[in-house]
Amino acid sequence: MKKIKKRGAIYGVIALLLCVAVYLNWSYIDAPEDLLVAEQTDPEDAAASAQDAADGADYFAASRLTREQARDEAVSTLKELSESEEADQTAKDEAAAQISALAEDSVAEANIESLIRAKGYEDAVVMIGDDSVNAVVAPPEGGLQAEDVTVIKDIIISETGMSAGQIKIVEAA
């Protein structure tokens, strides 16, 4: 019984640390310039991000950087836990599984964004959660139409296996 309570506490700590890392990254990093000031990225990456911002892709570049920073922080926290001598093997295995899931989500997000661009849309940023997918798409001239939403949902469904009800598509302003 004590072993079960201990595992529950460890999982609770993992979840709490992961949530805190994601929240802090999303709260304090608003734009690529903030990353350079905080010295959290390579100067060449920051220069490329600044150029993207100058080219009108500010929202998409900032969103990708924020998503990547939050994921990197979460992976770092989970890695520390998986390497901790104080954690039992079950907690280490769970941390490794979460790291693997985050990596799979990252690959899927990049694939979906590429496929959306391949269908002729200017840009998109996709965020995969546990039970949902959010996609922000640069609208074509005249805005997103029902057929555009269908094309984008089909891409997301084929790449994630989620249902249409779990997908939210938003037109970037």
C-alpha atoms as a PDB file:
ATOM      1  CA  MET A   1       0.000   0.000   0.000  1.00  0.00           C
ATOM      2  CA  LYS A   2       2.834   2.415   0.851  1.00  0.00           C
ATOM      3  CA  LYS A   3       4.495   1.645  -2.488  1.00  0.00           C
ATOM      4  CA  ILE A   4       1.326   2.625  -4.368  1.00  0.00           C
ATOM      5  CA  LYS A   5       1.044   5.911  -2.448  1.00  0.00           C
ATOM      6  CA  LYS A   6       4.726   6.641  -3.115  1.00  0.00           C
ATOM      7  CA  ARG A   7       4.248   6.075  -6.870  1.00  0.00           C
ATOM      8  CA  GLY A   8       1.193   8.305  -6.873  1.00  0.00           C
ATOM      9  CA  ALA A   9       3.173  11.043  -5.149  1.00  0.00           C
ATOM     10  CA  ILE A  10       6.014  10.713  -7.658  1.00  0.00           C
ATOM     11  CA  TYR A  11       3.596  10.904 -10.592  1.00  0.00           C
ATOM     12  CA  GLY A  12       2.007  13.936  -8.988  1.00  0.00           C
ATOM     13  CA  VAL A  13       5.401  15.604  -8.695  1.00  0.00           C
ATOM     14  CA  ILE A  14       6.194  14.764 -12.337  1.00  0.00           C
ATOM     15  CA  ALA A  15       2.904  16.257 -13.497  1.00  0.00           C
ATOM     16  CA  LEU A  16       3.356  19.348 -11.336  1.00  0.00           C
ATOM     17  CA  LEU A  17       6.906  19.980 -12.556  1.00  0.00           C
ATOM     18  CA  LEU A  18       5.851  19.514 -16.156  1.00  0.00           C
ATOM     19  CA  CYS A  19       2.935  21.936 -15.780  1.00  0.00           C
ATOM     20  CA  VAL A  20       5.097  24.541 -14.043  1.00  0.00           C
ATOM     21  CA  ALA A  21       7.771  24.325 -16.759  1.00  0.00           C
ATOM     22  CA  VAL A  22       5.241  24.746 -19.543  1.00  0.00           C
ATOM     23  CA  TYR A  23       3.445  27.599 -17.749  1.00  0.00           C
ATOM     24  CA  LEU A  24       6.642  29.524 -17.049  1.00  0.00           C
ATOM     25  CA  ASN A  25       7.825  29.258 -20.618  1.00  0.00           C
ATOM     26  CA  TRP A  26       4.507  30.351 -22.067  1.00  0.00           C
ATOM     27  CA  SER A  27       4.164  33.190 -19.552  1.00  0.00           C
ATOM     28  CA  TYR A  28       7.539  34.800 -19.863  1.00  0.00           C
ATOM     29  CA  ILE A  29       8.500  34.318 -23.489  1.00  0.00           C
ATOM     30  CA  ASP A  30       6.307  36.378 -25.780  1.00  0.00           C
ATOM     31  CA  ALA A  31       8.481  37.053 -28.802  1.00  0.00           C
ATOM     32  CA  PRO A  32      11.770  35.966 -30.360  1.00  0.00           C
ATOM     33  CA  GLU A  33      13.461  39.131 -29.062  1.00  0.00           C
ATOM     34  CA  ASP A  34      12.679  37.991 -25.498  1.00  0.00           C
ATOM     35  CA  LEU A  35      14.588  34.779 -26.131  1.00  0.00           C
ATOM     36  CA  LEU A  36      17.699  36.659 -27.174  1.00  0.00           C
ATOM     37  CA  VAL A  37      17.531  38.924 -24.128  1.00  0.00           C
ATOM     38  CA  ALA A  38      17.106  35.921 -21.845  1.00  0.00           C
ATOM     39  CA  GLU A  39      20.037  34.232 -23.653  1.00  0.00           C
ATOM     40  CA  GLN A  40      17.891  31.151 -24.154  1.00  0.00           C
ATOM     41  CA  THR A  41      18.634  30.678 -27.818  1.00  0.00           C
ATOM     42  CA  ASP A  42      21.488  30.800 -30.259  1.00  0.00           C
ATOM     43  CA  PRO A  43      22.137  34.292 -31.718  1.00  0.00           C
ATOM     44  CA  GLU A  44      21.876  32.885 -35.258  1.00  0.00           C
ATOM     45  CA  ASP A  45      18.436  31.430 -34.443  1.00  0.00           C
ATOM     46  CA  ALA A  46      17.385  34.758 -32.960  1.00  0.00           C
ATOM     47  CA  ALA A  47      18.573  36.578 -36.088  1.00  0.00           C
ATOM     48  CA  ALA A  48      16.566  34.187 -38.253  1.00  0.00           C
ATOM     49  CA  SER A  49      13.547  34.689 -35.991  1.00  0.00           C
ATOM     50  CA  ALA A  50      13.933  38.452 -36.192  1.00  0.00           C
ATOM     51  CA  GLN A  51      14.070  38.167 -39.984  1.00  0.00           C
ATOM     52  CA  ASP A  52      10.913  36.017 -39.952  1.00  0.00           C
ATOM     53  CA  ALA A  53       9.224  38.662 -37.846  1.00  0.00           C
ATOM     54  CA  ALA A  54      10.287  41.330 -40.308  1.00  0.00           C
ATOM     55  CA  ASP A  55       8.834  39.239 -43.123  1.00  0.00           C
ATOM     56  CA  GLY A  56       5.399  39.199 -41.485  1.00  0.00           C
ATOM     57  CA  ALA A  57       5.678  35.727 -39.960  1.00  0.00           C
ATOM     58  CA  ASP A  58       6.002  37.098 -36.420  1.00  0.00           C
ATOM     59  CA  TYR A  59       3.088  35.170 -34.961  1.00  0.00           C
ATOM     60  CA  PHE A  60       4.104  31.837 -36.456  1.00  0.00           C
ATOM     61  CA  ALA A  61       7.802  32.228 -35.607  1.00  0.00           C
ATOM     62  CA  ALA A  62       7.050  33.303 -32.045  1.00  0.00           C
ATOM     63  CA  SER A  63       4.551  30.479 -31.574  1.00  0.00           C
ATOM     64  CA  ARG A  64       7.007  27.862 -32.808  1.00  0.00           C
ATOM     65  CA  LEU A  65       9.771  29.208 -30.578  1.00  0.00           C
ATOM     66  CA  THR A  66       7.490  29.309 -27.552  1.00  0.00           C
ATOM     67  CA  ARG A  67       6.247  25.779 -28.226  1.00  0.00           C
ATOM     68  CA  GLU A  68       9.804  24.514 -28.632  1.00  0.00           C
ATOM     69  CA  GLN A  69      11.041  26.256 -25.483  1.00  0.00           C
ATOM     70  CA  ALA A  70       8.165  24.869 -23.414  1.00  0.00           C
ATOM     71  CA  ARG A  71       8.777  21.373 -24.760  1.00  0.00           C
ATOM     72  CA  ASP A  72      12.540  21.625 -24.157  1.00  0.00           C
ATOM     73  CA  GLU A  73      11.934  22.687 -20.564  1.00  0.00           C
ATOM     74  CA  ALA A  74       9.498  19.818 -20.022  1.00  0.00           C
ATOM     75  CA  VAL A  75      11.948  17.301 -21.509  1.00  0.00           C
ATOM     76  CA  SER A  76      14.740  18.689 -19.339  1.00  0.00           C
ATOM     77  CA  THR A  77      12.609  18.276 -16.209  1.00  0.00           C
ATOM     78  CA  LEU A  78      11.612  14.749 -17.184  1.00  0.00           C
ATOM     79  CA  LYS A  79      15.222  13.880 -18.019  1.00  0.00           C
ATOM     80  CA  GLU A  80      16.334  15.019 -14.569  1.00  0.00           C
ATOM     81  CA  LEU A  81      13.694  12.791 -13.029  1.00  0.00           C
ATOM     82  CA  SER A  82      14.650   9.803 -15.181  1.00  0.00           C
ATOM     83  CA  GLU A  83      18.294  10.208 -14.137  1.00  0.00           C
ATOM     84  CA  SER A  84      17.510  10.795 -10.459  1.00  0.00           C
ATOM     85  CA  GLU A  85      18.787   8.171  -8.059  1.00  0.00           C
ATOM     86  CA  GLU A  86      15.899   8.914  -5.699  1.00  0.00           C
ATOM     87  CA  ALA A  87      13.190   7.955  -8.219  1.00  0.00           C
ATOM     88  CA  ASP A  88      12.085   4.344  -8.464  1.00  0.00           C
ATOM     89  CA  GLN A  89      12.183   2.456 -11.758  1.00  0.00           C
ATOM     90  CA  THR A  90       8.477   2.963 -12.429  1.00  0.00           C
ATOM     91  CA  ALA A  91       8.851   6.755 -12.217  1.00  0.00           C
ATOM     92  CA  LYS A  92      11.909   6.615 -14.458  1.00  0.00           C
ATOM     93  CA  ASP A  93      10.026   4.510 -17.003  1.00  0.00           C
ATOM     94  CA  GLU A  94       7.069   6.921 -16.915  1.00  0.00           C
ATOM     95  CA  ALA A  95       9.395   9.907 -17.448  1.00  0.00           C
ATOM     96  CA  ALA A  96      11.038   8.142 -20.402  1.00  0.00           C
ATOM     97  CA  ALA A  97       7.608   7.370 -21.875  1.00  0.00           C
ATOM     98  CA  GLN A  98       6.568  11.025 -21.538  1.00  0.00           C
ATOM     99  CA  ILE A  99       9.784  12.166 -23.223  1.00  0.00           C
ATOM    100  CA  SER A 100       9.088   9.761 -26.063  1.00  0.00           C
ATOM    101  CA  ALA A 101       5.496  11.022 -26.376  1.00  0.00           C
ATOM    102  CA  LEU A 102       6.701  14.638 -26.501  1.00  0.00           C
ATOM    103  CA  ALA A 103       9.176  13.738 -29.248  1.00  0.00           C
ATOM    104  CA  GLU A 104       6.444  11.980 -31.246  1.00  0.00           C
ATOM    105  CA  ASP A 105       4.161  15.009 -30.866  1.00  0.00           C
ATOM    106  CA  SER A 106       6.954  17.289 -32.057  1.00  0.00           C
ATOM    107  CA  VAL A 107       7.509  15.221 -35.191  1.00  0.00           C
ATOM    108  CA  ALA A 108       3.757  15.032 -35.874  1.00  0.00           C
ATOM    109  CA  GLU A 109       3.382  18.816 -35.465  1.00  0.00           C
ATOM    110  CA  ALA A 110       6.193  19.460 -37.950  1.00  0.00           C
ATOM    111  CA  ASN A 111       4.721  16.968 -40.425  1.00  0.00           C
ATOM    112  CA  ILE A 112       1.259  18.496 -40.177  1.00  0.00           C
ATOM    113  CA  GLU A 113       2.628  22.023 -40.636  1.00  0.00           C
ATOM    114  CA  SER A 114       4.583  20.905 -43.720  1.00  0.00           C
ATOM    115  CA  LEU A 115       1.564  19.149 -45.208  1.00  0.00           C
ATOM    116  CA  ILE A 116      -0.631  22.204 -44.633  1.00  0.00           C
ATOM    117  CA  ARG A 117       1.933  24.394 -46.413  1.00  0.00           C
ATOM    118  CA  ALA A 118       2.167  21.783 -49.195  1.00  0.00           C
ATOM    119  CA  LYS A 119      -1.578  22.191 -49.766  1.00  0.00           C
ATOM    120  CA  GLY A 120      -0.975  25.845 -50.616  1.00  0.00           C
ATOM    121  CA  TYR A 121      -1.526  27.629 -47.314  1.00  0.00           C
ATOM    122  CA  GLU A 122       1.090  30.241 -46.477  1.00  0.00           C
ATOM    123  CA  ASP A 123       1.869  29.061 -42.940  1.00  0.00           C
ATOM    124  CA  ALA A 124       0.496  27.172 -39.963  1.00  0.00           C
ATOM    125  CA  VAL A 125       1.436  26.324 -36.414  1.00  0.00           C
ATOM    126  CA  VAL A 126       0.078  23.169 -34.797  1.00  0.00           C
ATOM    127  CA  MET A 127      -0.014  22.243 -31.114  1.00  0.00           C
ATOM    128  CA  ILE A 128      -0.834  18.689 -30.095  1.00  0.00           C
ATOM    129  CA  GLY A 129      -2.213  18.116 -26.610  1.00  0.00           C
ATOM    130  CA  ASP A 130      -3.237  14.937 -24.844  1.00  0.00           C
ATOM    131  CA  ASP A 131      -6.817  15.030 -26.138  1.00  0.00           C
ATOM    132  CA  SER A 132      -6.827  17.763 -28.758  1.00  0.00           C
ATOM    133  CA  VAL A 133      -5.028  19.420 -31.640  1.00  0.00           C
ATOM    134  CA  ASN A 134      -5.057  23.165 -32.246  1.00  0.00           C
ATOM    135  CA  ALA A 135      -3.996  24.572 -35.600  1.00  0.00           C
ATOM    136  CA  VAL A 136      -3.582  28.234 -36.437  1.00  0.00           C
ATOM    137  CA  VAL A 137      -3.480  28.779 -40.191  1.00  0.00           C
ATOM    138  CA  ALA A 138      -2.605  31.815 -42.281  1.00  0.00           C
ATOM    139  CA  PRO A 139      -5.815  32.200 -44.282  1.00  0.00           C
ATOM    140  CA  PRO A 140      -5.884  32.352 -48.049  1.00  0.00           C
ATOM    141  CA  GLU A 141      -7.311  35.453 -49.673  1.00  0.00           C
ATOM    142  CA  GLY A 142     -10.984  35.600 -48.728  1.00  0.00           C
ATOM    143  CA  GLY A 143     -10.471  33.710 -45.459  1.00  0.00           C
ATOM    144  CA  LEU A 144     -10.766  30.061 -44.547  1.00  0.00           C
ATOM    145  CA  GLN A 145     -13.745  28.381 -46.154  1.00  0.00           C
ATOM    146  CA  ALA A 146     -15.456  25.126 -45.149  1.00  0.00           C
ATOM    147  CA  GLU A 147     -13.473  23.202 -47.762  1.00  0.00           C
ATOM    148  CA  ASP A 148     -10.201  24.618 -46.363  1.00  0.00           C
ATOM    149  CA  VAL A 149     -11.158  23.450 -42.884  1.00  0.00           C
ATOM    150  CA  THR A 150     -11.991  19.995 -44.268  1.00  0.00           C
ATOM    151  CA  VAL A 151      -8.605  19.711 -46.009  1.00  0.00           C
ATOM    152  CA  ILE A 152      -6.734  20.761 -42.868  1.00  0.00           C
ATOM    153  CA  LYS A 153      -8.789  18.451 -40.602  1.00  0.00           C
ATOM    154  CA  ASP A 154      -8.137  15.522 -42.946  1.00  0.00           C
ATOM    155  CA  ILE A 155      -4.389  16.146 -42.680  1.00  0.00           C
ATOM    156  CA  ILE A 156      -4.537  16.319 -38.888  1.00  0.00           C
ATOM    157  CA  ILE A 157      -6.734  13.215 -38.589  1.00  0.00           C
ATOM    158  CA  SER A 158      -4.434  11.192 -40.832  1.00  0.00           C
ATOM    159  CA  GLU A 159      -1.316  12.231 -38.896  1.00  0.00           C
ATOM    160  CA  THR A 160      -2.688  11.966 -35.342  1.00  0.00           C
ATOM    161  CA  GLY A 161      -5.622   9.577 -35.449  1.00  0.00           C
ATOM    162  CA  MET A 162      -7.734  12.038 -33.469  1.00  0.00           C
ATOM    163  CA  SER A 163     -11.370  12.608 -34.299  1.00  0.00           C
ATOM    164  CA  ALA A 164     -12.694  15.743 -35.977  1.00  0.00           C
ATOM    165  CA  GLY A 165     -14.268  16.809 -32.670  1.00  0.00           C
ATOM    166  CA  GLN A 166     -10.819  16.960 -31.056  1.00  0.00           C
ATOM    167  CA  ILE A 167      -9.466  19.380 -33.657  1.00  0.00           C
ATOM    168  CA  LYS A 168      -9.723  23.147 -33.518  1.00  0.00           C
ATOM    169  CA  ILE A 169      -8.661  25.244 -36.504  1.00  0.00           C
ATOM    170  CA  VAL A 170      -8.236  28.976 -36.090  1.00  0.00           C
ATOM    171  CA  GLU A 171      -7.598  31.570 -38.762  1.00  0.00           C
ATOM    172  CA  ALA A 172      -4.620  33.788 -37.967  1.00  0.00           C
ATOM    173  CA  ALA A 173      -5.462  37.459 -37.904  1.00  0.00           C
END
